[in-house]
């Protein structure tokens, strides 16, 4: 089996002013430098746009991602940020297609296909989010919805880019910010389906290299059980990542998972 990293990503969403952000970055960086010994654990933080450049300037021991971007390099798109701008300030990747972007800003799979292509063109690592609503799951439509999102957003990509740069995050919409969590069995089933779709698109060897994260009310007390599954390679954490202390619990679970055998 390909050894994939365990990836723990903090999505701040629309939280933290700059002073608070810099305190968080400093505290997290210190802890990682002092305590995180596993080379197979990757930590990512996605700050607000107003704190991105300052965070990069600290040269922290974790990846710095944006929470969104426009697909165009330049242009008359008031209020938007381009991949060129993100690359210019040293950002290493970008979250794309988060369920809140889809719900509140009407982002489509077709638009996300353009965004993924644009991110890769600037060597930004895209973290593509996919997932289903509660109604879609109850209707037995979850797998089809997720597969459609993947096939549309990833159509025509270079397989080597996929292997070296892509992350996928599965976020069941019904479990985001609700306190509800997919069971490890439900999450593993969908993650295995996602890897199967990636295999169909790019080949099994490429699919085996793509980290697939789970995002849906992940916190320290459920992270280890989720991460024990064979196709769950990390977590995209929202509310439980807003305080360093609670986020550290999830990172510690990742370090444990990196040492433990996986469960199929």
Protein backbone atom coordinates (compact mmCIF):
# COMPACT_ATOMS: atom_id res chain seq x y z
CA UNK A 1 0.00 0.00 0.00
CA UNK A 2 1.22 3.52 -0.83
CA UNK A 3 2.18 5.46 2.29
CA UNK A 4 0.18 8.65 2.21
CA UNK A 5 0.70 11.48 4.69
CA UNK A 6 -1.82 12.15 7.43
CA UNK A 7 -3.03 15.68 6.71
CA UNK A 8 -4.72 17.88 9.31
CA UNK A 9 -6.06 21.19 7.99
CA UNK A 10 -7.53 24.08 9.98
CA UNK A 11 -10.12 26.20 8.18
CA UNK A 12 -10.63 29.43 10.09
CA UNK A 13 -13.53 30.51 7.87
CA UNK A 14 -14.45 34.15 8.67
CA UNK A 15 -12.80 34.32 12.08
CA UNK A 16 -9.82 36.06 13.73
CA UNK A 17 -8.47 39.58 13.39
CA UNK A 18 -4.76 39.93 12.65
CA UNK A 19 -3.45 40.15 16.22
CA UNK A 20 -5.41 37.07 17.24
CA UNK A 21 -4.29 35.30 14.07
CA UNK A 22 -0.62 35.96 14.70
CA UNK A 23 -0.88 34.71 18.28
CA UNK A 24 -2.45 31.50 16.98
CA UNK A 25 0.25 31.07 14.31
CA UNK A 26 3.03 31.62 16.84
CA UNK A 27 1.57 29.20 19.40
CA UNK A 28 0.91 26.49 16.82
CA UNK A 29 4.35 26.86 15.23
CA UNK A 30 6.05 26.59 18.61
CA UNK A 31 4.14 23.44 19.48
CA UNK A 32 4.88 21.78 16.14
CA UNK A 33 8.59 22.61 16.39
CA UNK A 34 8.77 21.29 19.95
CA UNK A 35 6.47 18.27 19.86
CA UNK A 36 5.52 16.98 16.41
CA UNK A 37 8.04 14.26 15.64
CA UNK A 38 6.19 12.32 12.95
CA UNK A 39 7.48 13.21 9.46
CA UNK A 40 4.33 11.69 7.97
CA UNK A 41 1.97 14.26 9.49
CA UNK A 42 1.25 17.41 7.48
CA UNK A 43 -0.43 20.40 9.10
CA UNK A 44 -2.22 23.05 7.05
CA UNK A 45 -3.81 26.31 8.16
CA UNK A 46 -6.23 28.32 6.03
CA UNK A 47 -6.43 31.81 7.57
CA UNK A 48 -8.60 34.70 6.47
CA UNK A 49 -7.43 36.72 3.45
CA UNK A 50 -6.40 39.60 5.74
CA UNK A 51 -3.98 37.35 7.64
CA UNK A 52 -2.59 35.28 4.77
CA UNK A 53 0.51 37.30 3.94
CA UNK A 54 1.46 37.84 7.58
CA UNK A 55 1.10 34.12 8.21
CA UNK A 56 3.36 33.25 5.27
CA UNK A 57 5.94 35.79 6.44
CA UNK A 58 6.32 33.91 9.74
CA UNK A 59 7.68 30.94 7.74
CA UNK A 60 5.66 28.55 9.89
CA UNK A 61 6.25 24.78 9.95
CA UNK A 62 2.89 24.15 8.29
CA UNK A 63 1.27 24.76 4.94
CA UNK A 64 -0.62 28.02 4.42
CA UNK A 65 -3.74 27.78 2.27
CA UNK A 66 -6.29 30.31 1.08
CA UNK A 67 -9.96 29.53 1.61
CA UNK A 68 -11.01 30.40 -1.95
CA UNK A 69 -9.88 32.13 -5.13
CA UNK A 70 -11.18 33.23 -8.53
CA UNK A 71 -10.21 31.24 -11.59
CA UNK A 72 -9.01 34.21 -13.68
CA UNK A 73 -5.46 35.60 -13.50
CA UNK A 74 -6.61 39.23 -13.68
CA UNK A 75 -9.73 41.14 -14.65
CA UNK A 76 -12.84 43.05 -13.71
CA UNK A 77 -13.94 40.80 -10.87
CA UNK A 78 -14.58 43.17 -7.98
CA UNK A 79 -13.85 41.67 -4.59
CA UNK A 80 -12.07 38.59 -5.91
CA UNK A 81 -8.54 37.24 -5.43
CA UNK A 82 -6.62 35.52 -8.23
CA UNK A 83 -4.30 32.50 -8.13
CA UNK A 84 -1.49 34.78 -9.27
CA UNK A 85 -2.04 36.98 -6.21
CA UNK A 86 -1.98 33.98 -3.89
CA UNK A 87 1.20 32.68 -5.47
CA UNK A 88 2.74 36.16 -5.24
CA UNK A 89 2.45 36.22 -1.44
CA UNK A 90 3.74 32.66 -1.05
CA UNK A 91 0.56 30.74 -0.33
CA UNK A 92 1.05 27.02 -0.98
CA UNK A 93 -2.52 25.91 -1.69
CA UNK A 94 -6.21 26.73 -1.68
CA UNK A 95 -9.45 25.18 -0.46
CA UNK A 96 -11.92 24.94 -3.34
CA UNK A 97 -15.60 24.09 -3.35
CA UNK A 98 -16.23 24.11 0.38
CA UNK A 99 -19.90 23.38 1.03
CA UNK A 100 -20.42 26.91 2.34
CA UNK A 101 -19.10 28.32 -0.94
CA UNK A 102 -21.45 26.04 -2.84
CA UNK A 103 -24.43 26.87 -0.63
CA UNK A 104 -24.05 30.62 -0.11
CA UNK A 105 -22.20 31.64 -3.27
CA UNK A 106 -23.70 29.17 -5.73
CA UNK A 107 -20.40 27.63 -6.78
CA UNK A 108 -20.89 24.85 -9.31
CA UNK A 109 -18.81 21.84 -10.22
CA UNK A 110 -18.19 23.44 -13.61
CA UNK A 111 -16.79 26.61 -12.04
CA UNK A 112 -14.67 24.50 -9.72
CA UNK A 113 -13.17 22.68 -12.68
CA UNK A 114 -11.85 26.05 -13.86
CA UNK A 115 -10.58 26.89 -10.38
CA UNK A 116 -8.75 23.59 -10.00
CA UNK A 117 -7.07 24.08 -13.39
CA UNK A 118 -6.10 27.64 -12.45
CA UNK A 119 -4.64 26.58 -9.11
CA UNK A 120 -2.51 23.89 -10.73
CA UNK A 121 -1.31 26.33 -13.38
CA UNK A 122 0.21 28.40 -10.55
CA UNK A 123 1.51 25.37 -8.64
CA UNK A 124 -1.01 25.92 -5.87
CA UNK A 125 -2.22 22.72 -4.23
CA UNK A 126 -6.00 22.50 -4.62
CA UNK A 127 -8.03 20.91 -1.83
CA UNK A 128 -11.25 20.03 -3.62
CA UNK A 129 -14.24 19.60 -1.32
CA UNK A 130 -17.10 17.30 -2.26
CA UNK A 131 -20.11 16.02 -0.34
CA UNK A 132 -23.82 15.42 -0.18
CA UNK A 133 -26.76 16.93 1.70
CA UNK A 134 -28.88 14.99 4.19
CA UNK A 135 -31.73 14.80 1.68
CA UNK A 136 -29.39 13.39 -0.96
CA UNK A 137 -28.06 10.78 1.46
CA UNK A 138 -31.55 9.75 2.57
CA UNK A 139 -32.55 9.42 -1.09
CA UNK A 140 -29.64 7.05 -1.68
CA UNK A 141 -28.01 9.57 -4.00
CA UNK A 142 -24.85 10.38 -2.05
CA UNK A 143 -22.39 8.33 -4.10
CA UNK A 144 -23.72 9.66 -7.41
CA UNK A 145 -23.55 13.29 -6.23
CA UNK A 146 -19.96 12.93 -5.03
CA UNK A 147 -18.89 11.10 -8.17
CA UNK A 148 -20.43 13.77 -10.41
CA UNK A 149 -18.56 16.49 -8.52
CA UNK A 150 -15.27 14.66 -8.89
CA UNK A 151 -15.66 13.82 -12.56
CA UNK A 152 -16.70 17.36 -13.45
CA UNK A 153 -14.13 19.23 -11.38
CA UNK A 154 -11.19 16.98 -12.26
CA UNK A 155 -11.93 16.37 -15.93
CA UNK A 156 -8.86 16.57 -18.15
CA UNK A 157 -6.26 17.10 -15.43
CA UNK A 158 -2.71 15.84 -15.84
CA UNK A 159 -2.28 12.65 -13.83
CA UNK A 160 1.09 13.71 -12.44
CA UNK A 161 -0.40 16.96 -11.16
CA UNK A 162 -3.12 14.96 -9.47
CA UNK A 163 -0.60 12.65 -7.82
CA UNK A 164 1.71 15.39 -6.58
CA UNK A 165 -0.61 18.31 -5.82
CA UNK A 166 -4.26 17.34 -5.32
CA UNK A 167 -6.07 16.88 -2.02
CA UNK A 168 -9.71 15.82 -1.85
CA UNK A 169 -11.86 16.57 1.20
CA UNK A 170 -15.12 14.70 1.74
CA UNK A 171 -17.52 16.80 3.75
CA UNK A 172 -21.02 15.42 4.29
CA UNK A 173 -22.96 18.68 4.40
CA UNK A 174 -25.29 17.37 7.10
CA UNK A 175 -22.33 16.93 9.46
CA UNK A 176 -20.71 20.36 9.10
CA UNK A 177 -21.07 22.57 12.16
CA UNK A 178 -23.95 20.43 13.42
CA UNK A 179 -22.16 18.22 15.91
CA UNK A 180 -23.21 15.26 13.79
CA UNK A 181 -20.44 13.10 12.39
CA UNK A 182 -20.53 10.36 9.81
CA UNK A 183 -19.64 7.07 11.42
CA UNK A 184 -16.17 5.78 10.59
CA UNK A 185 -17.88 3.12 8.47
CA UNK A 186 -19.93 5.71 6.53
CA UNK A 187 -16.88 7.91 6.03
CA UNK A 188 -14.64 5.03 4.94
CA UNK A 189 -17.28 3.81 2.48
CA UNK A 190 -17.40 7.22 0.78
CA UNK A 191 -13.63 7.70 0.87
CA UNK A 192 -13.19 4.31 -0.79
CA UNK A 193 -15.71 5.37 -3.44
CA UNK A 194 -13.81 8.62 -4.01
CA UNK A 195 -10.55 6.70 -4.45
CA UNK A 196 -12.29 4.34 -6.86
CA UNK A 197 -13.49 7.29 -8.96
CA UNK A 198 -9.99 8.77 -8.93
CA UNK A 199 -8.68 5.40 -10.05
CA UNK A 200 -11.13 5.32 -12.93
CA UNK A 201 -10.10 8.83 -13.97
CA UNK A 202 -6.33 8.63 -13.53
CA UNK A 203 -5.37 5.02 -12.79
CA UNK A 204 -5.09 3.13 -9.52
CA UNK A 205 -1.45 4.06 -8.93
CA UNK A 206 -2.27 7.77 -9.10
CA UNK A 207 -5.40 7.40 -6.98
CA UNK A 208 -3.37 5.65 -4.28
CA UNK A 209 -1.22 8.78 -3.88
CA UNK A 210 -4.01 11.32 -3.34
CA UNK A 211 -4.72 12.21 0.31
CA UNK A 212 -8.47 12.18 1.01
CA UNK A 213 -9.50 14.15 4.09
CA UNK A 214 -12.72 13.90 6.08
CA UNK A 215 -14.46 17.13 7.06
CA UNK A 216 -17.57 17.09 9.19
CA UNK A 217 -17.45 18.01 12.89
CA UNK A 218 -14.00 16.48 13.39
CA UNK A 219 -12.49 17.02 16.82
CA UNK A 220 -9.90 15.46 19.07
CA UNK A 221 -12.22 12.85 20.58
CA UNK A 222 -13.36 11.33 17.28
CA UNK A 223 -10.34 11.95 15.04
CA UNK A 224 -8.33 8.84 15.88
CA UNK A 225 -11.21 6.46 15.14
CA UNK A 226 -11.85 8.16 11.80
CA UNK A 227 -8.17 8.24 10.86
CA UNK A 228 -7.80 4.51 11.53
CA UNK A 229 -9.75 3.76 8.34
CA UNK A 230 -7.69 2.80 5.31
CA UNK A 231 -8.88 5.55 2.96
CA UNK A 232 -9.23 8.40 5.46
CA UNK A 233 -5.95 10.27 5.24
CA UNK A 234 -6.66 13.30 7.36
CA UNK A 235 -9.20 15.86 8.49
CA UNK A 236 -10.43 19.28 7.42
CA UNK A 237 -11.30 20.90 10.73
CA UNK A 238 -13.50 23.97 11.21
CA UNK A 239 -14.86 24.98 14.61
CA UNK A 240 -12.55 22.67 16.56
CA UNK A 241 -9.53 24.35 14.94
CA UNK A 242 -10.32 27.90 16.02
CA UNK A 243 -8.44 27.48 19.29
CA UNK A 244 -4.91 26.13 19.24
CA UNK A 245 -5.51 23.87 22.24
CA UNK A 246 -8.41 22.01 20.64
CA UNK A 247 -6.67 21.80 17.26
CA UNK A 248 -3.61 20.25 18.88
CA UNK A 249 -5.73 17.32 20.03
CA UNK A 250 -6.55 16.52 16.42
CA UNK A 251 -2.90 16.84 15.40
CA UNK A 252 -1.92 14.46 18.21
CA UNK A 253 -4.53 11.99 16.96
CA UNK A 254 -2.95 12.26 13.51
CA UNK A 255 0.47 11.49 14.96
CA UNK A 256 -0.98 8.38 16.60
CA UNK A 257 -2.71 7.37 13.37
CA UNK A 258 0.53 7.77 11.44
CA UNK A 259 2.10 5.11 13.66
CA UNK A 260 -0.84 2.70 13.76
CA UNK A 261 -1.94 0.06 11.23
CA UNK A 262 -4.93 1.09 9.14
CA UNK A 263 -8.30 -0.67 9.24
CA UNK A 264 -9.89 -1.66 5.95
